[in-house]
Structure formats: structure tokens, C-alpha cells
Amino acid sequence: MASVCPIADRGHQAAYASCELKGRNIATDTPDEPGSLLRHGGSALRFGGAPDHMADNTQRYEFRLRVHPQKLAEVRRAVGARLRLWGREELITPAAMCVTELLSNVHKHAASPECVLTLENRPYGICAAVFDSETSLPVVKEPDFLSECGRGMFLLSKTAHEWGTDLHDHGKTVWFTLRAEAVDP
């Protein structure tokens, strides 16, 4: 079954040389410019070119990172900056929450903290995906509201318009979509 978010249709393999947040504008195949909020610290993992089903106006951006809880605020700021650049300010808060949950799961449950976060700007909103090397799928549980953990995927499932997972030979991708018109002002 094909996923709704085509980001999830591609497997990834990468070597990670550092803990730095690295980004690449996939639409123009250029690293971030010096002085921008994100700096390109080396060659980014590249997908095999734009697939046929991507519209010409679709913009993509990838972040290669090594997840650490102290770096999540930096990632949220980078996601917010990218969404502002795309004119998607209304999606910053829900996107930041959903991305934080996916990256927290990488930190808590994956054998390796390395992952790739991909954002796509779409005519209807955005699609975001996190690829990691773990094959265990996330689980949505009814939350225990007295517990300090265990609510993240539940919140993501209630916030995102759509979400899903795709297994690959070298791990999994967890993705979500946010539609601009579905977000309350």
C-alpha cells in the first residue's frame, strides 16, 4: 500500500559525521546560504531526484541530525524558520509539536540517534517525515494523563490531518501531514 505522504516512499542510508544540524534545500539542490538560520556543514543525504508525483511547486527540505533532547528547541526553530519562508506560519505550532514527538521517539526508542527529518511544502499544507534506523513502529496509546510520558503519539494522532509509518530495509519512516485549512487560528 502506498503512503499518502510520498516522502515516506523512499528508504534512506547515510553516514553521519557530526552532531550538527545540517540542511539542504531539495527544490534548488543548494545548501543553506551562509548567515541563514541553518548552516550546511557537509553534503546532505539526497533522495534520488524529484519523483513524478511531486508538483513543480512542491518544496522540500531535509535536516540530517543526531537527536538529543537539548537540541530539540533548535530543531523546532529551524522548522519554524522553514515554514515561515514558505508562508506557512499557521502550521508552525502544530508542526513543531509533531516533529518534537517524532524526534523524541528516535531518542527514546531507536538504537541510534541519527535520523533524517524531511519537510515538504504542498499546495494544501505540509508533509513531514522522520527516517531512522529502528524497525519498531510507534504505538498510539490512550494516555495516562497523570504520567509524565506516553502521550506524544496520541497528541500527534489528534493534531495531524494524516499520519503513518513505512518500513524500509534499513529502518522506518514516520510521517504526518498538516493541512492549512484544518488548523484553528
N, C-alpha and C. Protein backbone atom coordinates (compact mmCIF):
# COMPACT_ATOMS: atom_id res chain seq x y z
N MET A 1 0.84 -1.17 0.00
CA MET A 1 0.00 0.00 0.00
C MET A 1 0.89 1.24 0.00
N ALA A 2 0.64 2.16 -0.91
CA ALA A 2 1.43 3.38 -0.99
C ALA A 2 0.98 4.34 0.10
N SER A 3 1.91 5.07 0.64
CA SER A 3 1.56 6.02 1.69
C SER A 3 1.03 7.30 1.08
N VAL A 4 0.31 8.06 1.88
CA VAL A 4 -0.25 9.34 1.45
C VAL A 4 0.85 10.37 1.29
N CYS A 5 1.88 10.26 2.09
CA CYS A 5 2.99 11.20 2.07
C CYS A 5 4.14 10.58 1.29
N PRO A 6 4.42 11.06 0.07
CA PRO A 6 5.45 10.41 -0.74
C PRO A 6 6.85 10.48 -0.14
N ILE A 7 7.08 11.32 0.84
CA ILE A 7 8.39 11.33 1.50
C ILE A 7 8.67 9.93 2.04
N ALA A 8 7.63 9.29 2.53
CA ALA A 8 7.79 8.01 3.19
C ALA A 8 8.03 6.87 2.22
N ASP A 9 7.92 7.11 0.94
CA ASP A 9 8.07 6.05 -0.04
C ASP A 9 9.52 5.73 -0.38
N ARG A 10 10.46 6.47 0.20
CA ARG A 10 11.86 6.27 -0.14
C ARG A 10 12.64 5.82 1.08
N GLY A 11 13.49 4.84 0.92
CA GLY A 11 14.37 4.41 2.00
C GLY A 11 15.61 5.29 2.03
N HIS A 12 16.32 5.29 3.13
CA HIS A 12 17.50 6.13 3.27
C HIS A 12 18.65 5.34 3.85
N GLN A 13 19.83 5.69 3.45
CA GLN A 13 21.05 5.21 4.08
C GLN A 13 21.98 6.41 4.15
N ALA A 14 22.62 6.58 5.27
CA ALA A 14 23.52 7.73 5.39
C ALA A 14 24.58 7.46 6.43
N ALA A 15 25.70 8.12 6.27
CA ALA A 15 26.74 8.12 7.29
C ALA A 15 26.70 9.49 7.94
N TYR A 16 26.77 9.54 9.24
CA TYR A 16 26.68 10.78 9.97
C TYR A 16 28.04 11.10 10.55
N ALA A 17 28.57 12.26 10.20
CA ALA A 17 29.91 12.61 10.61
C ALA A 17 29.92 13.49 11.85
N SER A 18 28.80 14.11 12.19
CA SER A 18 28.81 15.01 13.34
C SER A 18 27.42 15.11 13.94
N CYS A 19 27.32 15.88 15.02
CA CYS A 19 26.04 16.09 15.69
C CYS A 19 25.36 17.37 15.21
N GLU A 20 25.95 18.03 14.23
CA GLU A 20 25.40 19.30 13.77
C GLU A 20 24.12 19.09 13.00
N LEU A 21 23.25 20.10 13.09
CA LEU A 21 22.04 20.14 12.29
C LEU A 21 22.46 20.59 10.90
N LYS A 22 22.12 19.80 9.90
CA LYS A 22 22.52 20.12 8.53
C LYS A 22 21.28 20.15 7.65
N GLY A 23 21.24 21.10 6.73
CA GLY A 23 20.07 21.20 5.88
C GLY A 23 20.42 21.41 4.43
N ARG A 24 19.50 21.02 3.56
CA ARG A 24 19.67 21.22 2.14
C ARG A 24 18.31 21.49 1.54
N ASN A 25 18.26 22.53 0.73
CA ASN A 25 17.04 22.86 0.01
C ASN A 25 16.96 21.93 -1.19
N ILE A 26 16.06 20.97 -1.16
CA ILE A 26 15.97 19.97 -2.21
C ILE A 26 15.41 20.56 -3.50
N ALA A 27 14.53 21.56 -3.39
CA ALA A 27 13.93 22.15 -4.58
C ALA A 27 14.99 22.78 -5.48
N THR A 28 16.02 23.41 -4.87
CA THR A 28 17.06 24.05 -5.66
C THR A 28 18.38 23.30 -5.60
N ASP A 29 18.43 22.22 -4.80
CA ASP A 29 19.64 21.42 -4.61
C ASP A 29 20.81 22.27 -4.17
N THR A 30 20.55 23.18 -3.24
CA THR A 30 21.61 24.03 -2.72
C THR A 30 21.65 23.97 -1.21
N PRO A 31 22.84 24.05 -0.62
CA PRO A 31 22.91 24.13 0.84
C PRO A 31 22.42 25.50 1.29
N ASP A 32 22.08 25.61 2.57
CA ASP A 32 21.70 26.90 3.12
C ASP A 32 22.82 27.89 2.89
N GLU A 33 22.44 29.12 2.66
CA GLU A 33 23.42 30.17 2.43
C GLU A 33 24.07 30.57 3.75
N PRO A 34 25.33 30.99 3.71
CA PRO A 34 25.97 31.47 4.93
C PRO A 34 25.15 32.59 5.54
N GLY A 35 24.99 32.55 6.87
CA GLY A 35 24.21 33.58 7.54
C GLY A 35 22.75 33.20 7.71
N SER A 36 22.29 32.14 7.07
CA SER A 36 20.91 31.73 7.25
C SER A 36 20.77 31.02 8.59
N LEU A 37 19.56 30.73 8.99
CA LEU A 37 19.34 30.10 10.29
C LEU A 37 19.97 28.73 10.39
N LEU A 38 20.05 28.03 9.27
CA LEU A 38 20.70 26.72 9.25
C LEU A 38 21.93 26.81 8.39
N ARG A 39 22.99 26.22 8.81
CA ARG A 39 24.21 26.20 8.01
C ARG A 39 24.46 24.78 7.54
N HIS A 40 24.93 24.67 6.33
CA HIS A 40 25.24 23.37 5.75
C HIS A 40 26.66 23.01 6.14
N GLY A 41 26.82 21.91 6.88
CA GLY A 41 28.15 21.54 7.36
C GLY A 41 28.76 20.39 6.61
N GLY A 42 28.26 20.05 5.46
CA GLY A 42 28.76 18.93 4.68
C GLY A 42 27.70 18.50 3.69
N SER A 43 27.96 17.48 2.95
CA SER A 43 26.96 17.07 1.97
C SER A 43 25.79 16.40 2.67
N ALA A 44 24.60 16.77 2.29
CA ALA A 44 23.39 16.23 2.91
C ALA A 44 22.98 14.96 2.18
N LEU A 45 22.25 14.13 2.89
CA LEU A 45 21.68 12.94 2.28
C LEU A 45 20.71 13.39 1.20
N ARG A 46 20.79 12.80 0.03
CA ARG A 46 19.93 13.21 -1.07
C ARG A 46 19.03 12.08 -1.48
N PHE A 47 17.78 12.43 -1.76
CA PHE A 47 16.87 11.47 -2.36
C PHE A 47 17.20 11.40 -3.84
N GLY A 48 16.71 10.42 -4.52
CA GLY A 48 17.06 10.20 -5.92
C GLY A 48 16.36 11.10 -6.90
N GLY A 49 16.26 12.37 -6.62
CA GLY A 49 15.62 13.30 -7.55
C GLY A 49 14.14 13.41 -7.24
N ALA A 50 13.49 14.41 -7.81
CA ALA A 50 12.07 14.62 -7.55
C ALA A 50 11.24 13.56 -8.25
N PRO A 51 10.38 12.87 -7.50
CA PRO A 51 9.54 11.86 -8.13
C PRO A 51 8.48 12.50 -9.02
N ASP A 52 7.93 11.70 -9.91
CA ASP A 52 6.94 12.20 -10.86
C ASP A 52 5.71 12.78 -10.18
N HIS A 53 5.32 12.22 -9.02
CA HIS A 53 4.09 12.66 -8.38
C HIS A 53 4.25 13.96 -7.61
N MET A 54 5.45 14.55 -7.56
CA MET A 54 5.63 15.82 -6.87
C MET A 54 5.34 16.96 -7.84
N ALA A 55 4.48 17.87 -7.42
CA ALA A 55 4.15 19.02 -8.25
C ALA A 55 5.37 19.93 -8.35
N ASP A 56 5.44 20.72 -9.41
CA ASP A 56 6.57 21.62 -9.60
C ASP A 56 6.70 22.62 -8.46
N ASN A 57 5.56 22.98 -7.83
CA ASN A 57 5.62 23.97 -6.77
C ASN A 57 5.88 23.36 -5.40
N THR A 58 6.11 22.06 -5.34
CA THR A 58 6.43 21.42 -4.07
C THR A 58 7.87 21.76 -3.71
N GLN A 59 8.06 22.19 -2.48
CA GLN A 59 9.39 22.50 -1.99
C GLN A 59 9.73 21.49 -0.91
N ARG A 60 10.99 21.04 -0.90
CA ARG A 60 11.44 20.05 0.09
C ARG A 60 12.66 20.56 0.82
N TYR A 61 12.77 20.14 2.05
CA TYR A 61 13.94 20.49 2.84
C TYR A 61 14.26 19.33 3.76
N GLU A 62 15.54 19.00 3.88
CA GLU A 62 15.99 17.89 4.73
C GLU A 62 16.91 18.40 5.82
N PHE A 63 16.78 17.79 6.99
CA PHE A 63 17.68 18.03 8.10
C PHE A 63 18.27 16.68 8.49
N ARG A 64 19.57 16.56 8.44
CA ARG A 64 20.25 15.37 8.99
C ARG A 64 20.65 15.73 10.40
N LEU A 65 20.31 14.91 11.36
CA LEU A 65 20.66 15.25 12.71
C LEU A 65 20.84 14.03 13.60
N ARG A 66 21.48 14.28 14.70
CA ARG A 66 21.64 13.31 15.77
C ARG A 66 20.79 13.86 16.92
N VAL A 67 19.74 13.14 17.26
CA VAL A 67 18.76 13.64 18.22
C VAL A 67 19.32 13.62 19.64
N HIS A 68 19.14 14.74 20.30
CA HIS A 68 19.43 14.87 21.72
C HIS A 68 18.38 15.82 22.28
N PRO A 69 17.80 15.53 23.45
CA PRO A 69 16.73 16.38 23.98
C PRO A 69 17.10 17.86 24.07
N GLN A 70 18.36 18.16 24.35
CA GLN A 70 18.77 19.56 24.46
C GLN A 70 18.81 20.27 23.11
N LYS A 71 18.76 19.54 22.02
CA LYS A 71 18.80 20.14 20.68
C LYS A 71 17.41 20.29 20.06
N LEU A 72 16.36 19.81 20.74
CA LEU A 72 15.02 19.85 20.14
C LEU A 72 14.52 21.28 19.92
N ALA A 73 14.84 22.19 20.81
CA ALA A 73 14.43 23.59 20.62
C ALA A 73 15.06 24.17 19.36
N GLU A 74 16.31 23.82 19.11
CA GLU A 74 17.00 24.28 17.89
C GLU A 74 16.31 23.74 16.64
N VAL A 75 15.91 22.49 16.68
CA VAL A 75 15.21 21.89 15.54
C VAL A 75 13.86 22.56 15.35
N ARG A 76 13.13 22.81 16.45
CA ARG A 76 11.83 23.49 16.33
C ARG A 76 11.99 24.87 15.71
N ARG A 77 13.04 25.59 16.10
CA ARG A 77 13.28 26.92 15.50
C ARG A 77 13.58 26.78 14.01
N ALA A 78 14.36 25.78 13.64
CA ALA A 78 14.69 25.58 12.22
C ALA A 78 13.44 25.23 11.42
N VAL A 79 12.58 24.37 11.98
CA VAL A 79 11.32 24.03 11.30
C VAL A 79 10.47 25.27 11.15
N GLY A 80 10.36 26.07 12.23
CA GLY A 80 9.59 27.31 12.16
C GLY A 80 10.12 28.27 11.12
N ALA A 81 11.44 28.39 11.03
CA ALA A 81 12.04 29.28 10.03
C ALA A 81 11.72 28.82 8.62
N ARG A 82 11.79 27.51 8.38
CA ARG A 82 11.49 26.97 7.05
C ARG A 82 10.02 27.20 6.71
N LEU A 83 9.12 26.96 7.67
CA LEU A 83 7.69 27.15 7.40
C LEU A 83 7.38 28.63 7.18
N ARG A 84 8.04 29.54 7.92
CA ARG A 84 7.86 30.97 7.67
C ARG A 84 8.30 31.33 6.26
N LEU A 85 9.44 30.79 5.84
CA LEU A 85 9.94 31.04 4.50
C LEU A 85 8.92 30.62 3.44
N TRP A 86 8.22 29.52 3.70
CA TRP A 86 7.21 29.01 2.77
C TRP A 86 5.84 29.68 2.95
N GLY A 87 5.71 30.60 3.88
CA GLY A 87 4.43 31.25 4.11
C GLY A 87 3.43 30.38 4.85
N ARG A 88 3.93 29.47 5.68
CA ARG A 88 3.07 28.52 6.41
C ARG A 88 3.10 28.80 7.92
N GLU A 89 3.04 30.08 8.30
CA GLU A 89 3.12 30.45 9.71
C GLU A 89 2.06 29.77 10.55
N GLU A 90 0.86 29.57 10.00
CA GLU A 90 -0.24 28.97 10.76
C GLU A 90 0.03 27.51 11.14
N LEU A 91 1.02 26.89 10.51
CA LEU A 91 1.34 25.49 10.80
C LEU A 91 2.54 25.31 11.72
N ILE A 92 3.18 26.39 12.12
CA ILE A 92 4.41 26.28 12.91
C ILE A 92 4.18 25.57 14.23
N THR A 93 3.19 25.97 14.99
CA THR A 93 2.97 25.37 16.32
C THR A 93 2.63 23.88 16.23
N PRO A 94 1.64 23.48 15.41
CA PRO A 94 1.37 22.04 15.34
C PRO A 94 2.52 21.25 14.73
N ALA A 95 3.22 21.82 13.75
CA ALA A 95 4.36 21.11 13.15
C ALA A 95 5.47 20.92 14.17
N ALA A 96 5.74 21.95 14.95
CA ALA A 96 6.80 21.86 15.98
C ALA A 96 6.45 20.78 17.00
N MET A 97 5.20 20.70 17.42
CA MET A 97 4.80 19.68 18.38
C MET A 97 4.96 18.28 17.78
N CYS A 98 4.49 18.09 16.56
CA CYS A 98 4.55 16.76 15.93
C CYS A 98 5.99 16.34 15.66
N VAL A 99 6.81 17.26 15.15
CA VAL A 99 8.21 16.95 14.88
C VAL A 99 8.93 16.61 16.18
N THR A 100 8.67 17.38 17.24
CA THR A 100 9.29 17.11 18.54
C THR A 100 8.95 15.70 19.02
N GLU A 101 7.71 15.30 18.85
CA GLU A 101 7.32 13.96 19.28
C GLU A 101 8.06 12.89 18.49
N LEU A 102 8.14 13.05 17.17
CA LEU A 102 8.83 12.04 16.36
C LEU A 102 10.30 11.96 16.72
N LEU A 103 10.93 13.10 16.93
CA LEU A 103 12.35 13.11 17.28
C LEU A 103 12.58 12.58 18.70
N SER A 104 11.66 12.87 19.61
CA SER A 104 11.76 12.31 20.96
C SER A 104 11.68 10.80 20.92
N ASN A 105 10.84 10.27 20.04
CA ASN A 105 10.74 8.82 19.90
C ASN A 105 12.04 8.22 19.37
N VAL A 106 12.71 8.92 18.46
CA VAL A 106 14.01 8.44 17.98
C VAL A 106 14.97 8.36 19.16
N HIS A 107 15.00 9.42 19.97
CA HIS A 107 15.91 9.45 21.12
C HIS A 107 15.59 8.33 22.12
N LYS A 108 14.31 8.11 22.39
CA LYS A 108 13.91 7.14 23.42
C LYS A 108 13.94 5.69 22.95
N HIS A 109 13.62 5.46 21.68
CA HIS A 109 13.36 4.08 21.25
C HIS A 109 14.30 3.52 20.18
N ALA A 110 15.01 4.37 19.46
CA ALA A 110 15.89 3.87 18.39
C ALA A 110 17.27 3.54 18.94
N ALA A 111 17.90 2.54 18.34
CA ALA A 111 19.25 2.14 18.76
C ALA A 111 20.27 3.23 18.46
N SER A 112 20.01 4.02 17.42
CA SER A 112 20.92 5.10 17.03
C SER A 112 20.16 6.42 17.01
N PRO A 113 20.77 7.52 17.46
CA PRO A 113 20.10 8.82 17.45
C PRO A 113 20.11 9.51 16.09
N GLU A 114 20.78 8.93 15.09
CA GLU A 114 20.83 9.57 13.78
C GLU A 114 19.51 9.40 13.06
N CYS A 115 19.07 10.47 12.41
CA CYS A 115 17.83 10.42 11.65
C CYS A 115 17.84 11.51 10.59
N VAL A 116 16.84 11.45 9.72
CA VAL A 116 16.66 12.47 8.69
C VAL A 116 15.23 12.98 8.83
N LEU A 117 15.10 14.29 9.03
CA LEU A 117 13.81 14.95 9.08
C LEU A 117 13.62 15.65 7.75
N THR A 118 12.51 15.37 7.08
CA THR A 118 12.23 15.99 5.79
C THR A 118 10.92 16.75 5.87
N LEU A 119 10.91 17.95 5.32
CA LEU A 119 9.70 18.76 5.22
C LEU A 119 9.38 18.97 3.75
N GLU A 120 8.11 18.93 3.41
CA GLU A 120 7.67 19.27 2.05
C GLU A 120 6.55 20.29 2.16
N ASN A 121 6.65 21.34 1.38
CA ASN A 121 5.59 22.33 1.26
C ASN A 121 4.69 21.88 0.12
N ARG A 122 3.42 21.76 0.40
CA ARG A 122 2.44 21.28 -0.58
C ARG A 122 1.38 22.35 -0.80
N PRO A 123 0.63 22.26 -1.86
CA PRO A 123 -0.45 23.24 -2.07
C PRO A 123 -1.46 23.26 -0.92
N TYR A 124 -1.71 22.14 -0.28
CA TYR A 124 -2.70 22.05 0.80
C TYR A 124 -2.12 22.29 2.19
N GLY A 125 -0.81 22.23 2.35
CA GLY A 125 -0.18 22.35 3.67
C GLY A 125 1.23 21.80 3.62
N ILE A 126 1.58 20.99 4.62
CA ILE A 126 2.93 20.42 4.65
C ILE A 126 2.87 18.93 4.93
N CYS A 127 3.94 18.25 4.57
CA CYS A 127 4.15 16.86 4.95
C CYS A 127 5.54 16.82 5.58
N ALA A 128 5.64 16.15 6.70
CA ALA A 128 6.93 15.99 7.39
C ALA A 128 7.15 14.51 7.64
N ALA A 129 8.40 14.10 7.62
CA ALA A 129 8.73 12.69 7.85
C ALA A 129 10.06 12.60 8.57
N VAL A 130 10.17 11.58 9.42
CA VAL A 130 11.43 11.28 10.11
C VAL A 130 11.80 9.85 9.77
N PHE A 131 12.98 9.69 9.20
CA PHE A 131 13.53 8.36 8.93
C PHE A 131 14.56 8.06 9.99
N ASP A 132 14.49 6.84 10.57
CA ASP A 132 15.52 6.38 11.49
C ASP A 132 15.81 4.91 11.21
N SER A 133 16.83 4.37 11.84
CA SER A 133 17.27 3.01 11.55
C SER A 133 16.52 1.94 12.34
N GLU A 134 15.60 2.34 13.19
CA GLU A 134 14.84 1.40 14.02
C GLU A 134 13.66 0.84 13.22
N THR A 135 13.38 -0.45 13.37
CA THR A 135 12.26 -1.05 12.65
C THR A 135 11.00 -1.18 13.51
N SER A 136 11.11 -0.92 14.81
CA SER A 136 9.93 -0.95 15.67
C SER A 136 9.03 0.24 15.35
N LEU A 137 7.74 -0.03 15.21
CA LEU A 137 6.79 1.02 14.86
C LEU A 137 6.26 1.73 16.11
N PRO A 138 5.94 3.02 15.99
CA PRO A 138 5.37 3.73 17.13
C PRO A 138 3.97 3.20 17.44
N VAL A 139 3.58 3.34 18.70
CA VAL A 139 2.28 2.86 19.15
C VAL A 139 1.51 4.04 19.74
N VAL A 140 0.24 4.16 19.34
CA VAL A 140 -0.64 5.18 19.91
C VAL A 140 -1.43 4.51 21.02
N LYS A 141 -1.27 5.04 22.22
CA LYS A 141 -1.98 4.50 23.38
C LYS A 141 -2.91 5.57 23.95
N GLU A 142 -3.98 5.09 24.57
CA GLU A 142 -4.83 6.03 25.33
C GLU A 142 -3.94 6.57 26.44
N PRO A 143 -3.82 7.89 26.55
CA PRO A 143 -2.85 8.44 27.51
C PRO A 143 -3.29 8.32 28.96
N ASP A 144 -2.31 8.13 29.82
CA ASP A 144 -2.49 8.24 31.25
C ASP A 144 -2.12 9.68 31.58
N PHE A 145 -3.11 10.51 31.83
CA PHE A 145 -2.85 11.93 31.99
C PHE A 145 -2.10 12.27 33.28
N LEU A 146 -1.92 11.31 34.16
CA LEU A 146 -1.12 11.53 35.37
C LEU A 146 0.35 11.19 35.14
N SER A 147 0.63 10.49 34.05
CA SER A 147 2.00 10.10 33.73
C SER A 147 2.74 11.26 33.06
N GLU A 148 4.06 11.29 33.22
CA GLU A 148 4.87 12.33 32.58
C GLU A 148 5.25 11.99 31.16
N CYS A 149 4.95 10.80 30.69
CA CYS A 149 5.29 10.42 29.33
C CYS A 149 4.19 9.53 28.75
N GLY A 150 4.30 9.23 27.44
CA GLY A 150 3.37 8.32 26.81
C GLY A 150 2.20 8.96 26.10
N ARG A 151 2.20 10.28 26.00
CA ARG A 151 1.09 10.97 25.34
C ARG A 151 1.43 11.47 23.94
N GLY A 152 2.68 11.41 23.56
CA GLY A 152 3.13 12.06 22.33
C GLY A 152 2.46 11.59 21.06
N MET A 153 2.45 10.29 20.82
CA MET A 153 1.83 9.80 19.58
C MET A 153 0.32 9.99 19.60
N PHE A 154 -0.29 9.96 20.79
CA PHE A 154 -1.71 10.26 20.90
C PHE A 154 -1.96 11.70 20.46
N LEU A 155 -1.15 12.64 20.97
CA LEU A 155 -1.30 14.05 20.59
C LEU A 155 -1.05 14.24 19.09
N LEU A 156 -0.02 13.58 18.56
CA LEU A 156 0.26 13.67 17.13
C LEU A 156 -0.93 13.16 16.33
N SER A 157 -1.52 12.04 16.75
CA SER A 157 -2.64 11.46 16.01
C SER A 157 -3.86 12.37 16.03
N LYS A 158 -3.99 13.21 17.06
CA LYS A 158 -5.12 14.14 17.15
C LYS A 158 -4.82 15.48 16.48
N THR A 159 -3.54 15.79 16.27
CA THR A 159 -3.14 17.07 15.67
C THR A 159 -2.99 16.98 14.16
N ALA A 160 -2.32 15.95 13.68
CA ALA A 160 -2.04 15.80 12.25
C ALA A 160 -3.31 15.42 11.48
N HIS A 161 -3.41 15.90 10.27
CA HIS A 161 -4.53 15.53 9.42
C HIS A 161 -4.45 14.05 9.05
N GLU A 162 -3.24 13.62 8.71
CA GLU A 162 -2.96 12.21 8.41
C GLU A 162 -1.58 11.89 8.97
N TRP A 163 -1.36 10.64 9.30
CA TRP A 163 -0.02 10.22 9.70
C TRP A 163 0.09 8.73 9.42
N GLY A 164 1.32 8.25 9.35
CA GLY A 164 1.53 6.83 9.11
C GLY A 164 3.00 6.46 9.23
N THR A 165 3.25 5.19 9.00
CA THR A 165 4.61 4.68 9.05
C THR A 165 4.86 3.80 7.84
N ASP A 166 6.10 3.73 7.43
CA ASP A 166 6.52 2.86 6.34
C ASP A 166 7.82 2.19 6.74
N LEU A 167 7.87 0.88 6.64
CA LEU A 167 9.10 0.13 6.92
C LEU A 167 9.96 0.06 5.67
N HIS A 168 11.26 0.14 5.87
CA HIS A 168 12.24 0.05 4.79
C HIS A 168 13.26 -1.02 5.17
N ASP A 169 14.11 -1.36 4.24
CA ASP A 169 15.16 -2.34 4.53
C ASP A 169 16.07 -1.90 5.67
N HIS A 170 16.27 -0.59 5.80
CA HIS A 170 17.23 -0.08 6.78
C HIS A 170 16.58 0.74 7.89
N GLY A 171 15.29 0.57 8.10
CA GLY A 171 14.63 1.31 9.17
C GLY A 171 13.19 1.61 8.83
N LYS A 172 12.72 2.75 9.33
CA LYS A 172 11.33 3.14 9.10
C LYS A 172 11.25 4.64 8.90
N THR A 173 10.14 5.06 8.32
CA THR A 173 9.80 6.46 8.20
C THR A 173 8.45 6.65 8.87
N VAL A 174 8.37 7.64 9.73
CA VAL A 174 7.10 8.04 10.33
C VAL A 174 6.81 9.43 9.77
N TRP A 175 5.63 9.62 9.22
CA TRP A 175 5.29 10.86 8.54
C TRP A 175 3.94 11.39 9.01
N PHE A 176 3.73 12.68 8.77
CA PHE A 176 2.42 13.28 9.05
C PHE A 176 2.19 14.42 8.07
N THR A 177 0.91 14.74 7.87
CA THR A 177 0.54 15.90 7.07
C THR A 177 -0.26 16.85 7.93
N LEU A 178 -0.10 18.13 7.67
CA LEU A 178 -0.91 19.18 8.27
C LEU A 178 -1.49 20.00 7.14
N ARG A 179 -2.78 20.14 7.14
CA ARG A 179 -3.46 20.95 6.12
C ARG A 179 -3.70 22.34 6.67
N ALA A 180 -3.38 23.33 5.86
CA ALA A 180 -3.50 24.72 6.31
C ALA A 180 -4.93 25.05 6.74
N GLU A 181 -5.90 24.58 6.03
CA GLU A 181 -7.28 24.91 6.36
C GLU A 181 -7.81 24.15 7.57
N ALA A 182 -7.11 23.12 8.01
CA ALA A 182 -7.57 22.30 9.14
C ALA A 182 -7.04 22.83 10.47
N VAL A 183 -6.18 23.85 10.45
CA VAL A 183 -5.59 24.36 11.67
C VAL A 183 -6.40 25.54 12.17
N ASP A 184 -6.82 25.49 13.43
CA ASP A 184 -7.59 26.61 14.01
C ASP A 184 -6.70 27.82 14.16
N PRO A 185 -7.25 29.01 13.89
CA PRO A 185 -6.44 30.23 14.02
C PRO A 185 -6.05 30.52 15.45
